[in-house]
Amino acid sequence: MRRNYLGIGIFCCNLFLMASMQSGCGFERFQPVLPDQIAGFSLANLESIQDDERLTDDEKRDQIRTAINAPMTVEGDRLVEFLFTLNVP
């Protein structure tokens, strides 16, 4: 008896997911958090900034911001902080 209820629940869940995907429940409105490519900036550039022991952390963040031309907004701050803390292999 329980087995039938489980099957009906899974069916209803799948039906709901398919219906919400067809109706476009807003997933297309999300923008990517990180840009696909930052022109002229590579992981080698980032690593050289991160490894420069002459710079303070704030100076490193400023150099990253300048190199990627990040805006002085909350989003730009997040991107700079992400790149600053990124572990480059």
C-alpha atoms as a PDB file:
ATOM      1  CA  MET A   1       0.000   0.000   0.000  1.00  0.00           C
ATOM      2  CA  ARG A   2       2.786   2.459   0.847  1.00  0.00           C
ATOM      3  CA  ARG A   3       4.502   1.692  -2.412  1.00  0.00           C
ATOM      4  CA  ASN A   4       1.588   3.105  -4.398  1.00  0.00           C
ATOM      5  CA  TYR A   5       1.591   6.357  -2.439  1.00  0.00           C
ATOM      6  CA  LEU A   6       5.311   6.778  -3.065  1.00  0.00           C
ATOM      7  CA  GLY A   7       4.827   6.222  -6.790  1.00  0.00           C
ATOM      8  CA  ILE A   8       1.994   8.745  -6.924  1.00  0.00           C
ATOM      9  CA  GLY A   9       4.102  11.281  -4.992  1.00  0.00           C
ATOM     10  CA  ILE A  10       7.041  10.903  -7.366  1.00  0.00           C
ATOM     11  CA  PHE A  11       4.728  11.190 -10.368  1.00  0.00           C
ATOM     12  CA  CYS A  12       3.111  14.362  -9.011  1.00  0.00           C
ATOM     13  CA  CYS A  13       6.503  15.877  -8.190  1.00  0.00           C
ATOM     14  CA  ASN A  14       7.779  15.189 -11.716  1.00  0.00           C
ATOM     15  CA  LEU A  15       4.576  16.572 -13.196  1.00  0.00           C
ATOM     16  CA  PHE A  16       4.945  19.781 -11.154  1.00  0.00           C
ATOM     17  CA  LEU A  17       8.610  20.188 -12.190  1.00  0.00           C
ATOM     18  CA  MET A  18       7.794  19.691 -15.865  1.00  0.00           C
ATOM     19  CA  ALA A  19       4.924  22.180 -15.685  1.00  0.00           C
ATOM     20  CA  SER A  20       7.041  24.806 -13.946  1.00  0.00           C
ATOM     21  CA  MET A  21       9.837  24.402 -16.496  1.00  0.00           C
ATOM     22  CA  GLN A  22       7.378  24.810 -19.365  1.00  0.00           C
ATOM     23  CA  SER A  23       5.848  27.920 -17.874  1.00  0.00           C
ATOM     24  CA  GLY A  24       9.230  29.571 -17.390  1.00  0.00           C
ATOM     25  CA  CYS A  25       9.167  30.060 -13.660  1.00  0.00           C
ATOM     26  CA  GLY A  26      11.825  32.756 -13.734  1.00  0.00           C
ATOM     27  CA  PHE A  27      15.055  30.841 -14.148  1.00  0.00           C
ATOM     28  CA  GLU A  28      15.925  32.736 -17.317  1.00  0.00           C
ATOM     29  CA  ARG A  29      15.973  36.021 -15.414  1.00  0.00           C
ATOM     30  CA  PHE A  30      19.103  35.128 -13.446  1.00  0.00           C
ATOM     31  CA  GLN A  31      22.289  36.674 -14.749  1.00  0.00           C
ATOM     32  CA  PRO A  32      25.633  34.919 -14.421  1.00  0.00           C
ATOM     33  CA  VAL A  33      27.547  36.091 -11.363  1.00  0.00           C
ATOM     34  CA  LEU A  34      30.967  36.067 -13.014  1.00  0.00           C
ATOM     35  CA  PRO A  35      31.774  37.323 -16.475  1.00  0.00           C
ATOM     36  CA  ASP A  36      32.685  34.620 -18.966  1.00  0.00           C
ATOM     37  CA  GLN A  37      35.962  36.265 -19.856  1.00  0.00           C
ATOM     38  CA  ILE A  38      37.853  39.312 -18.665  1.00  0.00           C
ATOM     39  CA  ALA A  39      39.733  40.763 -21.607  1.00  0.00           C
ATOM     40  CA  GLY A  40      43.495  40.782 -21.134  1.00  0.00           C
ATOM     41  CA  PHE A  41      43.395  39.176 -17.679  1.00  0.00           C
ATOM     42  CA  SER A  42      44.475  35.607 -17.059  1.00  0.00           C
ATOM     43  CA  LEU A  43      45.122  33.352 -14.111  1.00  0.00           C
ATOM     44  CA  ALA A  44      48.843  34.054 -14.552  1.00  0.00           C
ATOM     45  CA  ASN A  45      48.147  37.775 -14.066  1.00  0.00           C
ATOM     46  CA  LEU A  46      46.085  37.023 -10.984  1.00  0.00           C
ATOM     47  CA  GLU A  47      48.764  34.764  -9.552  1.00  0.00           C
ATOM     48  CA  SER A  48      51.453  37.404 -10.018  1.00  0.00           C
ATOM     49  CA  ILE A  49      49.337  39.942  -8.117  1.00  0.00           C
ATOM     50  CA  GLN A  50      48.524  37.462  -5.350  1.00  0.00           C
ATOM     51  CA  ASP A  51      52.182  36.403  -4.933  1.00  0.00           C
ATOM     52  CA  ASP A  52      53.641  39.926  -4.821  1.00  0.00           C
ATOM     53  CA  GLU A  53      54.850  40.138  -1.215  1.00  0.00           C
ATOM     54  CA  ARG A  54      55.612  43.856  -1.481  1.00  0.00           C
ATOM     55  CA  LEU A  55      51.899  44.685  -1.644  1.00  0.00           C
ATOM     56  CA  THR A  56      49.396  44.813   1.179  1.00  0.00           C
ATOM     57  CA  ASP A  57      46.057  43.034   0.817  1.00  0.00           C
ATOM     58  CA  ASP A  58      44.286  46.310   0.024  1.00  0.00           C
ATOM     59  CA  GLU A  59      46.867  47.150  -2.655  1.00  0.00           C
ATOM     60  CA  LYS A  60      46.399  43.701  -4.183  1.00  0.00           C
ATOM     61  CA  ARG A  61      42.632  44.236  -4.271  1.00  0.00           C
ATOM     62  CA  ASP A  62      43.143  47.637  -5.922  1.00  0.00           C
ATOM     63  CA  GLN A  63      45.423  46.107  -8.562  1.00  0.00           C
ATOM     64  CA  ILE A  64      42.898  43.366  -9.286  1.00  0.00           C
ATOM     65  CA  ARG A  65      40.099  45.944  -9.551  1.00  0.00           C
ATOM     66  CA  THR A  66      42.171  48.032 -11.966  1.00  0.00           C
ATOM     67  CA  ALA A  67      43.222  45.012 -14.041  1.00  0.00           C
ATOM     68  CA  ILE A  68      39.672  43.750 -14.554  1.00  0.00           C
ATOM     69  CA  ASN A  69      38.085  47.211 -14.620  1.00  0.00           C
ATOM     70  CA  ALA A  70      35.600  46.256 -11.891  1.00  0.00           C
ATOM     71  CA  PRO A  71      33.068  48.936 -10.971  1.00  0.00           C
ATOM     72  CA  MET A  72      32.995  50.493  -7.501  1.00  0.00           C
ATOM     73  CA  THR A  73      29.761  48.696  -6.629  1.00  0.00           C
ATOM     74  CA  VAL A  74      28.786  45.820  -4.382  1.00  0.00           C
ATOM     75  CA  GLU A  75      28.994  43.464  -7.362  1.00  0.00           C
ATOM     76  CA  GLY A  76      32.451  44.756  -8.275  1.00  0.00           C
ATOM     77  CA  ASP A  77      33.582  44.318  -4.671  1.00  0.00           C
ATOM     78  CA  ARG A  78      32.344  40.725  -4.682  1.00  0.00           C
ATOM     79  CA  LEU A  79      34.164  39.953  -7.905  1.00  0.00           C
ATOM     80  CA  VAL A  80      37.405  41.501  -6.636  1.00  0.00           C
ATOM     81  CA  GLU A  81      37.136  39.636  -3.329  1.00  0.00           C
ATOM     82  CA  PHE A  82      36.442  36.376  -5.152  1.00  0.00           C
ATOM     83  CA  LEU A  83      39.493  36.794  -7.360  1.00  0.00           C
ATOM     84  CA  PHE A  84      41.617  37.927  -4.412  1.00  0.00           C
ATOM     85  CA  THR A  85      40.810  34.761  -2.444  1.00  0.00           C
ATOM     86  CA  LEU A  86      40.849  32.403  -5.446  1.00  0.00           C
ATOM     87  CA  ASN A  87      43.401  29.632  -5.069  1.00  0.00           C
ATOM     88  CA  VAL A  88      45.261  29.556  -8.392  1.00  0.00           C
ATOM     89  CA  PRO A  89      46.635  26.050  -8.992  1.00  0.00           C
END
